[in-house]
């Protein structure tokens, strides 16, 4: 995992590579859904600031999911996002899916990822 540390407005950000970009994974929760559903977004480095890049997760409150799990938006992010999440130790696939309309979304267990907990704590301290 290639990393880079930057300081923006006195705060330290540990960036990692996603495709050809330096990104900061920002982890929070969606407003609706049982059990504080995980929202995982990527912000990329533009000059001296971070800009919104993509939301990795999709909230499907009508779909049952396990604790610490969330559905990955492979419609707006290609399916390689799952490999990237696992390679960077954000968790692992559960082999379950959620469905909304004509789309299916793989479930991902973030609680099994050491980097998930690290970046969640960083995100909470911003």
Protein backbone atom coordinates (compact mmCIF):
# COMPACT_ATOMS: atom_id res chain seq x y z
CA UNK A 1 0.00 0.00 0.00
CA UNK A 2 1.51 3.28 -1.15
CA UNK A 3 0.93 6.10 1.36
CA UNK A 4 1.56 9.82 1.63
CA UNK A 5 1.05 12.13 4.61
CA UNK A 6 -0.02 15.74 4.10
CA UNK A 7 -0.99 18.62 6.39
CA UNK A 8 -4.05 20.74 5.56
CA UNK A 9 -5.02 23.58 7.90
CA UNK A 10 -2.92 22.04 10.67
CA UNK A 11 -4.49 18.57 10.34
CA UNK A 12 -2.64 15.47 9.24
CA UNK A 13 -4.12 13.29 6.51
CA UNK A 14 -2.75 9.87 5.57
CA UNK A 15 -3.47 9.40 1.88
CA UNK A 16 -3.39 6.16 -0.09
CA UNK A 17 -3.35 5.43 -3.81
CA UNK A 18 -6.59 4.78 -5.67
CA UNK A 19 -6.02 4.40 -9.41
CA UNK A 20 -3.82 7.43 -10.24
CA UNK A 21 -5.04 9.60 -7.37
CA UNK A 22 -4.02 10.20 -3.77
CA UNK A 23 -7.18 9.73 -1.69
CA UNK A 24 -8.32 10.06 1.90
CA UNK A 25 -10.99 7.53 2.93
CA UNK A 26 -13.59 9.41 5.00
CA UNK A 27 -15.81 7.13 7.06
CA UNK A 28 -19.06 8.17 8.70
CA UNK A 29 -22.64 6.82 8.88
CA UNK A 30 -25.79 7.27 6.83
CA UNK A 31 -28.71 8.99 8.56
CA UNK A 32 -31.24 6.22 7.99
CA UNK A 33 -31.04 2.48 8.44
CA UNK A 34 -30.62 0.15 11.39
CA UNK A 35 -27.38 0.05 13.35
CA UNK A 36 -25.57 3.14 12.04
CA UNK A 37 -24.96 2.05 8.43
CA UNK A 38 -21.42 2.77 7.23
CA UNK A 39 -20.83 5.53 4.67
CA UNK A 40 -17.39 5.28 3.02
CA UNK A 41 -16.29 8.15 0.78
CA UNK A 42 -13.06 9.01 -0.97
CA UNK A 43 -11.64 12.53 -1.17
CA UNK A 44 -8.76 13.17 -3.55
CA UNK A 45 -5.86 15.59 -3.38
CA UNK A 46 -6.20 18.65 -5.62
CA UNK A 47 -3.37 21.10 -5.09
CA UNK A 48 -3.37 21.84 -1.36
CA UNK A 49 -6.88 20.60 -0.58
CA UNK A 50 -9.08 17.51 -0.61
CA UNK A 51 -12.08 17.34 -2.96
CA UNK A 52 -14.94 14.83 -3.06
CA UNK A 53 -14.14 11.95 -5.42
CA UNK A 54 -16.72 9.19 -4.91
CA UNK A 55 -18.94 7.40 -2.44
CA UNK A 56 -17.84 3.77 -2.24
CA UNK A 57 -20.91 2.53 -0.37
CA UNK A 58 -24.62 2.63 -1.10
CA UNK A 59 -27.26 2.70 1.62
CA UNK A 60 -30.03 0.13 1.15
CA UNK A 61 -32.12 0.41 4.34
CA UNK A 62 -34.64 -2.11 2.96
CA UNK A 63 -31.94 -4.81 2.65
CA UNK A 64 -30.81 -6.85 5.62
CA UNK A 65 -27.08 -6.63 6.34
CA UNK A 66 -24.81 -7.89 9.08
CA UNK A 67 -23.21 -5.69 11.76
CA UNK A 68 -20.22 -3.81 10.38
CA UNK A 69 -21.29 -4.53 6.81
CA UNK A 70 -22.40 -2.23 4.03
CA UNK A 71 -23.16 -2.56 0.34
CA UNK A 72 -20.54 -1.45 -2.19
CA UNK A 73 -21.62 0.76 -5.07
CA UNK A 74 -20.20 -1.14 -8.03
CA UNK A 75 -22.53 0.78 -10.38
CA UNK A 76 -20.78 4.12 -9.90
CA UNK A 77 -17.42 2.57 -9.03
CA UNK A 78 -16.18 -0.34 -11.09
CA UNK A 79 -16.05 -3.80 -9.53
CA UNK A 80 -12.28 -3.40 -8.95
CA UNK A 81 -13.22 -1.26 -5.95
CA UNK A 82 -13.76 -4.51 -4.02
CA UNK A 83 -10.20 -5.65 -4.76
CA UNK A 84 -8.87 -2.23 -3.74
CA UNK A 85 -10.78 -2.33 -0.44
CA UNK A 86 -9.40 -5.79 0.39
CA UNK A 87 -5.85 -5.02 -0.76
CA UNK A 88 -5.83 -1.95 1.49
CA UNK A 89 -7.19 -3.91 4.47
CA UNK A 90 -10.54 -2.15 4.79
CA UNK A 91 -12.36 -5.46 5.24
CA UNK A 92 -13.54 -8.42 3.20
CA UNK A 93 -16.38 -9.56 0.95
CA UNK A 94 -19.23 -11.51 2.53
CA UNK A 95 -20.48 -13.12 -0.71
CA UNK A 96 -23.97 -11.73 0.03
CA UNK A 97 -25.72 -9.11 -2.10
CA UNK A 98 -28.34 -6.41 -1.73
CA UNK A 99 -30.75 -5.52 -4.52
CA UNK A 100 -32.37 -2.23 -5.44
CA UNK A 101 -34.37 -2.05 -8.65
CA UNK A 102 -32.36 -3.77 -11.37
CA UNK A 103 -29.04 -3.30 -9.55
CA UNK A 104 -27.22 -5.67 -7.22
CA UNK A 105 -24.61 -4.58 -4.72
CA UNK A 106 -22.09 -6.83 -2.96
CA UNK A 107 -22.00 -6.70 0.83
CA UNK A 108 -18.63 -5.92 2.42
CA UNK A 109 -17.61 -6.51 6.06
CA UNK A 110 -15.70 -3.43 7.17
CA UNK A 111 -15.31 -4.61 10.78
CA UNK A 112 -12.81 -7.23 9.58
CA UNK A 113 -10.48 -4.55 8.23
CA UNK A 114 -7.72 -3.06 10.38
CA UNK A 115 -7.47 0.04 8.15
CA UNK A 116 -11.22 0.61 8.42
CA UNK A 117 -10.90 1.15 12.17
CA UNK A 118 -7.84 3.38 11.72
CA UNK A 119 -9.50 5.64 9.12
CA UNK A 120 -12.81 5.68 11.00
CA UNK A 121 -11.01 7.07 14.04
CA UNK A 122 -9.19 9.65 11.88
CA UNK A 123 -12.51 10.68 10.31
CA UNK A 124 -14.18 11.07 13.71
CA UNK A 125 -11.36 13.38 14.84
CA UNK A 126 -11.79 15.83 11.94
